[in-house]
C-alpha atoms as a PDB file:
ATOM      1  CA  UNK A   1     244.171 -56.004-236.801  1.00  0.00           C
ATOM      2  CA  UNK A   2     244.786 -53.302-239.485  1.00  0.00           C
ATOM      3  CA  UNK A   3     241.350 -51.148-240.191  1.00  0.00           C
ATOM      4  CA  UNK A   4     241.109 -53.010-243.709  1.00  0.00           C
ATOM      5  CA  UNK A   5     241.590 -56.395-242.062  1.00  0.00           C
ATOM      6  CA  UNK A   6     238.593 -55.753-239.821  1.00  0.00           C
ATOM      7  CA  UNK A   7     236.305 -54.475-242.735  1.00  0.00           C
ATOM      8  CA  UNK A   8     237.371 -57.876-244.945  1.00  0.00           C
ATOM      9  CA  UNK A   9     236.797 -59.754-241.894  1.00  0.00           C
ATOM     10  CA  UNK A  10     233.131 -58.150-241.140  1.00  0.00           C
ATOM     11  CA  UNK A  11     232.370 -58.721-244.778  1.00  0.00           C
ATOM     12  CA  UNK A  12     233.286 -61.884-244.824  1.00  0.00           C
ATOM     13  CA  UNK A  13     231.129 -62.893-241.903  1.00  0.00           C
ATOM     14  CA  UNK A  14     228.129 -61.138-243.103  1.00  0.00           C
ATOM     15  CA  UNK A  15     228.383 -63.114-246.402  1.00  0.00           C
ATOM     16  CA  UNK A  16     228.612 -66.433-244.105  1.00  0.00           C
ATOM     17  CA  UNK A  17     225.407 -65.311-242.144  1.00  0.00           C
ATOM     18  CA  UNK A  18     223.435 -64.331-245.579  1.00  0.00           C
ATOM     19  CA  UNK A  19     224.767 -67.760-247.063  1.00  0.00           C
ATOM     20  CA  UNK A  20     222.805 -69.363-244.171  1.00  0.00           C
ATOM     21  CA  UNK A  21     218.842 -70.697-244.805  1.00  0.00           C
ATOM     22  CA  UNK A  22     216.245 -68.142-243.953  1.00  0.00           C
ATOM     23  CA  UNK A  23     214.900 -71.166-241.564  1.00  0.00           C
ATOM     24  CA  UNK A  24     217.594 -73.497-240.529  1.00  0.00           C
ATOM     25  CA  UNK A  25     215.022 -74.924-237.942  1.00  0.00           C
ATOM     26  CA  UNK A  26     211.971 -75.253-240.371  1.00  0.00           C
ATOM     27  CA  UNK A  27     214.693 -76.907-243.015  1.00  0.00           C
ATOM     28  CA  UNK A  28     215.647 -79.087-240.450  1.00  0.00           C
ATOM     29  CA  UNK A  29     211.865 -80.326-239.107  1.00  0.00           C
ATOM     30  CA  UNK A  30     210.153 -80.618-242.677  1.00  0.00           C
ATOM     31  CA  UNK A  31     211.186 -83.165-244.675  1.00  0.00           C
ATOM     32  CA  UNK A  32     211.878 -82.596-248.388  1.00  0.00           C
ATOM     33  CA  UNK A  33     209.693 -84.235-251.039  1.00  0.00           C
ATOM     34  CA  UNK A  34     211.134 -87.509-252.574  1.00  0.00           C
ATOM     35  CA  UNK A  35     212.215 -86.683-256.112  1.00  0.00           C
ATOM     36  CA  UNK A  36     209.722 -87.755-258.957  1.00  0.00           C
ATOM     37  CA  UNK A  37     211.238 -90.161-261.589  1.00  0.00           C
ATOM     38  CA  UNK A  38     211.362 -89.138-265.278  1.00  0.00           C
ATOM     39  CA  UNK A  39     210.195 -92.715-266.212  1.00  0.00           C
ATOM     40  CA  UNK A  40     208.661 -95.319-264.158  1.00  0.00           C
ATOM     41  CA  UNK A  41     207.423 -98.752-264.439  1.00  0.00           C
ATOM     42  CA  UNK A  42     207.743-102.745-263.644  1.00  0.00           C
ATOM     43  CA  UNK A  43     209.285-105.076-265.798  1.00  0.00           C
ATOM     44  CA  UNK A  44     210.151-108.662-265.233  1.00  0.00           C
ATOM     45  CA  UNK A  45     208.300-108.503-261.748  1.00  0.00           C
ATOM     46  CA  UNK A  46     210.961-105.414-260.847  1.00  0.00           C
ATOM     47  CA  UNK A  47     209.817-101.961-259.930  1.00  0.00           C
ATOM     48  CA  UNK A  48     212.043 -99.266-261.299  1.00  0.00           C
ATOM     49  CA  UNK A  49     212.499 -95.405-261.656  1.00  0.00           C
ATOM     50  CA  UNK A  50     214.663 -92.811-263.643  1.00  0.00           C
ATOM     51  CA  UNK A  51     215.530 -89.708-261.976  1.00  0.00           C
ATOM     52  CA  UNK A  52     216.988 -86.453-263.178  1.00  0.00           C
ATOM     53  CA  UNK A  53     218.879 -85.863-259.777  1.00  0.00           C
ATOM     54  CA  UNK A  54     218.281 -86.077-256.209  1.00  0.00           C
ATOM     55  CA  UNK A  55     219.519 -89.566-255.480  1.00  0.00           C
ATOM     56  CA  UNK A  56     221.771 -89.563-252.519  1.00  0.00           C
ATOM     57  CA  UNK A  57     223.746 -92.599-251.494  1.00  0.00           C
ATOM     58  CA  UNK A  58     221.638 -92.671-248.458  1.00  0.00           C
ATOM     59  CA  UNK A  59     218.275 -92.732-250.253  1.00  0.00           C
ATOM     60  CA  UNK A  60     220.000 -95.279-252.680  1.00  0.00           C
ATOM     61  CA  UNK A  61     220.716 -97.512-249.776  1.00  0.00           C
ATOM     62  CA  UNK A  62     216.744 -97.613-248.145  1.00  0.00           C
ATOM     63  CA  UNK A  63     215.292-100.827-248.663  1.00  0.00           C
ATOM     64  CA  UNK A  64     212.812 -99.994-251.534  1.00  0.00           C
ATOM     65  CA  UNK A  65     211.416-103.277-253.239  1.00  0.00           C
ATOM     66  CA  UNK A  66     212.469-101.582-257.061  1.00  0.00           C
ATOM     67  CA  UNK A  67     215.542 -99.844-258.052  1.00  0.00           C
ATOM     68  CA  UNK A  68     216.184 -96.418-258.608  1.00  0.00           C
ATOM     69  CA  UNK A  69     219.095 -94.673-261.157  1.00  0.00           C
ATOM     70  CA  UNK A  70     219.716 -91.337-262.087  1.00  0.00           C
ATOM     71  CA  UNK A  71     222.491 -88.990-263.567  1.00  0.00           C
ATOM     72  CA  UNK A  72     225.669 -87.802-261.955  1.00  0.00           C
ATOM     73  CA  UNK A  73     225.405 -83.816-260.243  1.00  0.00           C
ATOM     74  CA  UNK A  74     225.181 -81.576-263.135  1.00  0.00           C
ATOM     75  CA  UNK A  75     224.424 -83.618-265.998  1.00  0.00           C
ATOM     76  CA  UNK A  76     221.026 -82.749-267.806  1.00  0.00           C
ATOM     77  CA  UNK A  77     219.046 -85.331-269.014  1.00  0.00           C
ATOM     78  CA  UNK A  78     217.952 -85.041-272.773  1.00  0.00           C
ATOM     79  CA  UNK A  79     215.515 -87.908-272.625  1.00  0.00           C
ATOM     80  CA  UNK A  80     214.310 -91.589-271.205  1.00  0.00           C
ATOM     81  CA  UNK A  81     212.671 -94.201-273.170  1.00  0.00           C
ATOM     82  CA  UNK A  82     210.997 -97.600-272.573  1.00  0.00           C
ATOM     83  CA  UNK A  83     210.804-100.371-274.665  1.00  0.00           C
ATOM     84  CA  UNK A  84     208.642-102.765-273.572  1.00  0.00           C
ATOM     85  CA  UNK A  85     209.004-105.589-276.055  1.00  0.00           C
ATOM     86  CA  UNK A  86     212.675-105.449-275.620  1.00  0.00           C
ATOM     87  CA  UNK A  87     212.450-105.123-272.001  1.00  0.00           C
ATOM     88  CA  UNK A  88     214.667-102.142-271.745  1.00  0.00           C
ATOM     89  CA  UNK A  89     214.743 -98.840-270.392  1.00  0.00           C
ATOM     90  CA  UNK A  90     216.938 -95.879-272.315  1.00  0.00           C
ATOM     91  CA  UNK A  91     218.425 -93.157-270.373  1.00  0.00           C
ATOM     92  CA  UNK A  92     220.672 -90.078-272.275  1.00  0.00           C
ATOM     93  CA  UNK A  93     222.478 -87.496-270.524  1.00  0.00           C
ATOM     94  CA  UNK A  94     224.955 -84.737-271.084  1.00  0.00           C
ATOM     95  CA  UNK A  95     228.183 -83.738-268.597  1.00  0.00           C
ATOM     96  CA  UNK A  96     229.748 -80.265-269.104  1.00  0.00           C
ATOM     97  CA  UNK A  97     232.995 -82.040-268.613  1.00  0.00           C
ATOM     98  CA  UNK A  98     232.045 -84.924-270.634  1.00  0.00           C
ATOM     99  CA  UNK A  99     232.543 -88.684-269.435  1.00  0.00           C
ATOM    100  CA  UNK A 100     233.672 -91.998-271.176  1.00  0.00           C
ATOM    101  CA  UNK A 101     231.557 -94.776-271.440  1.00  0.00           C
ATOM    102  CA  UNK A 102     233.650 -96.720-268.548  1.00  0.00           C
ATOM    103  CA  UNK A 103     233.048 -93.846-265.754  1.00  0.00           C
ATOM    104  CA  UNK A 104     229.407 -93.625-267.087  1.00  0.00           C
ATOM    105  CA  UNK A 105     229.207 -97.814-266.356  1.00  0.00           C
ATOM    106  CA  UNK A 106     230.834 -97.178-263.030  1.00  0.00           C
ATOM    107  CA  UNK A 107     228.523 -94.761-262.135  1.00  0.00           C
ATOM    108  CA  UNK A 108     225.436 -96.511-262.988  1.00  0.00           C
ATOM    109  CA  UNK A 109     226.917-100.004-261.547  1.00  0.00           C
ATOM    110  CA  UNK A 110     227.502 -97.826-258.383  1.00  0.00           C
ATOM    111  CA  UNK A 111     224.097 -96.977-257.612  1.00  0.00           C
ATOM    112  CA  UNK A 112     222.860-100.401-258.136  1.00  0.00           C
ATOM    113  CA  UNK A 113     225.185-102.102-256.050  1.00  0.00           C
ATOM    114  CA  UNK A 114     224.167 -99.852-253.180  1.00  0.00           C
ATOM    115  CA  UNK A 115     220.741-100.999-253.545  1.00  0.00           C
ATOM    116  CA  UNK A 116     221.678-104.674-252.994  1.00  0.00           C
ATOM    117  CA  UNK A 117     222.749-105.593-256.948  1.00  0.00           C
ATOM    118  CA  UNK A 118     226.029-107.549-256.970  1.00  0.00           C
ATOM    119  CA  UNK A 119     227.818-107.253-260.043  1.00  0.00           C
ATOM    120  CA  UNK A 120     229.063-110.026-262.611  1.00  0.00           C
ATOM    121  CA  UNK A 121     230.602-109.491-265.674  1.00  0.00           C
ATOM    122  CA  UNK A 122     231.766-106.458-267.290  1.00  0.00           C
ATOM    123  CA  UNK A 123     233.019-106.025-270.665  1.00  0.00           C
ATOM    124  CA  UNK A 124     234.510-102.836-272.518  1.00  0.00           C
ATOM    125  CA  UNK A 125     234.447-103.691-276.439  1.00  0.00           C
ATOM    126  CA  UNK A 126     235.841-100.633-277.203  1.00  0.00           C
ATOM    127  CA  UNK A 127     236.689 -96.798-275.888  1.00  0.00           C
ATOM    128  CA  UNK A 128     233.000 -95.392-276.354  1.00  0.00           C
ATOM    129  CA  UNK A 129     231.161 -98.952-274.880  1.00  0.00           C
ATOM    130  CA  UNK A 130     231.000-100.803-271.905  1.00  0.00           C
ATOM    131  CA  UNK A 131     229.097-103.432-270.339  1.00  0.00           C
ATOM    132  CA  UNK A 132     227.510-105.495-267.003  1.00  0.00           C
ATOM    133  CA  UNK A 133     225.356-107.922-265.835  1.00  0.00           C
ATOM    134  CA  UNK A 134     224.102-107.264-262.395  1.00  0.00           C
ATOM    135  CA  UNK A 135     222.000-109.821-260.185  1.00  0.00           C
ATOM    136  CA  UNK A 136     219.913-109.063-256.945  1.00  0.00           C
ATOM    137  CA  UNK A 137     217.253-111.786-255.531  1.00  0.00           C
ATOM    138  CA  UNK A 138     217.569-113.833-258.839  1.00  0.00           C
ATOM    139  CA  UNK A 139     216.929-110.831-260.866  1.00  0.00           C
ATOM    140  CA  UNK A 140     219.257-110.045-263.565  1.00  0.00           C
ATOM    141  CA  UNK A 141     219.815-106.348-265.088  1.00  0.00           C
ATOM    142  CA  UNK A 142     222.249-105.847-268.009  1.00  0.00           C
ATOM    143  CA  UNK A 143     223.536-102.010-267.638  1.00  0.00           C
ATOM    144  CA  UNK A 144     225.281-101.052-271.250  1.00  0.00           C
ATOM    145  CA  UNK A 145     226.947 -97.528-271.860  1.00  0.00           C
ATOM    146  CA  UNK A 146     227.766 -95.473-274.932  1.00  0.00           C
ATOM    147  CA  UNK A 147     229.397 -92.278-275.337  1.00  0.00           C
ATOM    148  CA  UNK A 148     228.142 -91.112-278.198  1.00  0.00           C
ATOM    149  CA  UNK A 149     230.353 -88.983-280.729  1.00  0.00           C
ATOM    150  CA  UNK A 150     228.625 -85.485-279.672  1.00  0.00           C
ATOM    151  CA  UNK A 151     229.894 -86.619-276.046  1.00  0.00           C
ATOM    152  CA  UNK A 152     226.403 -87.534-274.775  1.00  0.00           C
ATOM    153  CA  UNK A 153     226.021 -90.710-272.979  1.00  0.00           C
ATOM    154  CA  UNK A 154     223.246 -93.009-273.279  1.00  0.00           C
ATOM    155  CA  UNK A 155     222.709 -96.091-270.226  1.00  0.00           C
ATOM    156  CA  UNK A 156     220.386 -98.777-271.510  1.00  0.00           C
ATOM    157  CA  UNK A 157     218.789-101.051-268.751  1.00  0.00           C
ATOM    158  CA  UNK A 158     217.760-104.442-269.924  1.00  0.00           C
ATOM    159  CA  UNK A 159     215.586-106.124-267.539  1.00  0.00           C
ATOM    160  CA  UNK A 160     215.260-109.341-266.609  1.00  0.00           C
ATOM    161  CA  UNK A 161     218.938-111.081-268.003  1.00  0.00           C
ATOM    162  CA  UNK A 162     219.622-114.164-267.705  1.00  0.00           C
ATOM    163  CA  UNK A 163     221.940-115.243-264.718  1.00  0.00           C
ATOM    164  CA  UNK A 164     225.819-114.780-265.378  1.00  0.00           C
END
């Protein structure tokens, strides 16, 4: 090993050590705070929460009674809204790289399938919209995704839909 290679190796080793958490033992023993929902409620007997992030596949598979949905990694949540009369929750987000309606629907339905929902009918009326109906324990949920002209994604969750 030449002197230059040795210095590069030491620099790489130092960088790796500095990248480690300050107290990895504390990080392993202290449970992480669960993320707080941006919007949550109970509609048609189904508890639900919309999150800005922090939802892992493992946390989605927990046997919680409600449903949890979020946005892809790297997405910025632009807003959420609930309409009690229509039994809908709307989530709007933006990804730096963009996302089409079909991919946004796949992301949303994957989260729900991890929580025990069965996917039923899917439709793709055009390039900027997609829709799926899901069921779990006799409770229906309709998911509609739309890609806006500016690239923003809107996901509309319609609670209490009829069985497909």
